[in-house]
Amino acid sequence: MHQRAFSKSPADDASATASATATKTTTKTATKTTTLAELALGGRARVRRVRAAVDGDAGDLSLRLMEMGFVPGTLVTLVKRAPLGDPLELRVRGGHVSLRRAEARLVEVELLASEAGA
């Protein structure tokens, strides 16, 4: 059997590399992170993480927040804020949850695209 050797030009290599890079590149949008305590009325966000509190019941409070539905990836909406700003009513997974601002500060969220531009 006779095999033919194919040679590639440097232009072929460059175009192949450029197209491979273009397919691997994804557009990342800048997301603004904040806590539930700073969320605007009617604001929507996605939970990033639940931080541990500084006081003694840190693990218990963080665990309880996660049990109530504040787990990473969950969508949250601020429904109401009491007249003096405390507590907050939030919609999480189809239910309504009230949290003190101190508790809401433990839940780190990223604003959704429509909220981040506002």
Protein backbone atom coordinates (compact mmCIF):
# COMPACT_ATOMS: atom_id res chain seq x y z
CA MET A 1 0.00 0.00 0.00
CA HIS A 2 1.13 3.45 -0.80
CA GLN A 3 0.43 6.26 1.70
CA ARG A 4 0.35 9.88 0.81
CA ALA A 5 1.71 12.49 3.15
CA PHE A 6 -0.48 15.54 3.52
CA SER A 7 1.16 18.70 4.61
CA LYS A 8 -0.65 21.49 6.37
CA SER A 9 0.13 25.08 5.83
CA PRO A 10 0.62 27.41 8.82
CA ALA A 11 -2.57 29.22 7.75
CA ASP A 12 -4.55 25.97 8.15
CA ASP A 13 -3.19 25.52 11.69
CA ALA A 14 -4.03 29.12 12.62
CA SER A 15 -7.59 28.91 11.32
CA ALA A 16 -8.18 25.57 13.07
CA THR A 17 -6.87 27.01 16.35
CA ALA A 18 -9.01 30.13 15.99
CA SER A 19 -12.19 28.15 15.34
CA ALA A 20 -11.48 25.80 18.27
CA THR A 21 -10.93 28.78 20.55
CA ALA A 22 -14.13 30.42 19.35
CA THR A 23 -16.19 27.34 20.14
CA LYS A 24 -14.69 27.01 23.63
CA THR A 25 -15.15 30.66 24.56
CA THR A 26 -18.28 31.41 26.52
CA THR A 27 -19.63 34.82 27.29
CA LYS A 28 -19.51 35.58 30.99
CA THR A 29 -21.68 38.36 32.31
CA ALA A 30 -20.72 40.30 35.37
CA THR A 31 -22.98 39.41 38.26
CA LYS A 32 -23.46 41.56 41.29
CA THR A 33 -23.43 39.76 44.62
CA THR A 34 -25.08 41.02 47.77
CA THR A 35 -27.07 39.59 50.67
CA LEU A 36 -30.80 39.13 51.11
CA ALA A 37 -30.79 42.02 53.59
CA GLU A 38 -29.80 44.48 50.81
CA LEU A 39 -32.20 43.14 48.18
CA ALA A 40 -34.59 45.78 46.80
CA LEU A 41 -38.35 45.38 47.21
CA GLY A 42 -39.55 43.06 44.44
CA GLY A 43 -35.92 42.15 43.70
CA ARG A 44 -35.06 38.67 42.51
CA ALA A 45 -31.81 36.87 43.12
CA ARG A 46 -30.21 33.43 43.11
CA VAL A 47 -28.71 32.04 46.33
CA ARG A 48 -24.92 31.61 46.09
CA ARG A 49 -24.16 30.40 49.62
CA VAL A 50 -25.23 30.55 53.25
CA ARG A 51 -22.48 31.89 55.49
CA ALA A 52 -21.98 30.76 59.07
CA ALA A 53 -22.97 33.23 61.78
CA VAL A 54 -20.38 34.63 64.17
CA ASP A 55 -22.14 33.65 67.38
CA GLY A 56 -22.34 30.22 69.01
CA ASP A 57 -25.31 28.80 67.08
CA ALA A 58 -23.61 29.38 63.71
CA GLY A 59 -24.03 25.85 62.44
CA ASP A 60 -27.60 25.54 63.65
CA LEU A 61 -28.73 28.79 62.02
CA SER A 62 -27.00 28.08 58.71
CA LEU A 63 -28.46 24.58 58.66
CA ARG A 64 -31.94 25.90 59.47
CA LEU A 65 -31.75 28.46 56.65
CA MET A 66 -30.82 25.71 54.21
CA GLU A 67 -33.64 23.51 55.52
CA MET A 68 -36.06 26.37 54.77
CA GLY A 69 -34.93 26.33 51.14
CA PHE A 70 -32.02 28.80 50.99
CA VAL A 71 -29.67 26.46 49.13
CA PRO A 72 -27.30 27.45 46.32
CA GLY A 73 -29.09 27.92 43.00
CA THR A 74 -32.51 28.68 44.49
CA LEU A 75 -34.40 31.73 43.23
CA VAL A 76 -35.56 34.18 45.91
CA THR A 77 -37.84 37.24 45.67
CA LEU A 78 -38.25 39.96 48.30
CA VAL A 79 -42.03 40.32 48.68
CA LYS A 80 -42.39 42.73 51.63
CA ARG A 81 -40.34 44.64 54.13
CA ALA A 82 -41.84 45.65 57.50
CA PRO A 83 -42.23 49.43 58.09
CA LEU A 84 -39.07 49.62 60.19
CA GLY A 85 -37.20 47.31 57.80
CA ASP A 86 -37.32 44.18 59.92
CA PRO A 87 -38.45 41.40 59.23
CA LEU A 88 -38.35 40.64 55.49
CA GLU A 89 -40.86 38.45 53.69
CA LEU A 90 -39.27 36.35 50.96
CA ARG A 91 -40.70 33.96 48.39
CA VAL A 92 -38.61 30.79 48.20
CA ARG A 93 -39.57 27.64 46.29
CA GLY A 94 -43.24 28.61 46.14
CA GLY A 95 -43.55 29.41 49.87
CA HIS A 96 -43.19 32.57 51.93
CA VAL A 97 -40.56 32.88 54.65
CA SER A 98 -39.94 35.75 57.06
CA LEU A 99 -36.39 36.47 58.19
CA ARG A 100 -34.77 39.07 60.41
CA ARG A 101 -32.25 41.29 58.64
CA ALA A 102 -29.46 39.72 60.71
CA GLU A 103 -30.44 36.29 59.39
CA ALA A 104 -30.87 37.61 55.84
CA ARG A 105 -27.29 38.95 55.93
CA LEU A 106 -26.05 35.35 56.15
CA VAL A 107 -27.53 34.45 52.74
CA GLU A 108 -25.27 35.62 49.92
CA VAL A 109 -27.08 36.04 46.60
CA GLU A 110 -26.32 37.15 43.07
CA LEU A 111 -28.80 39.51 41.48
CA LEU A 112 -30.48 38.29 38.34
CA ALA A 113 -29.53 40.08 35.11
CA SER A 114 -32.63 42.30 35.09
CA GLU A 115 -31.98 43.37 38.69
CA ALA A 116 -28.21 43.92 38.38
CA GLY A 117 -28.64 46.61 35.73
CA ALA A 118 -31.17 48.57 37.77
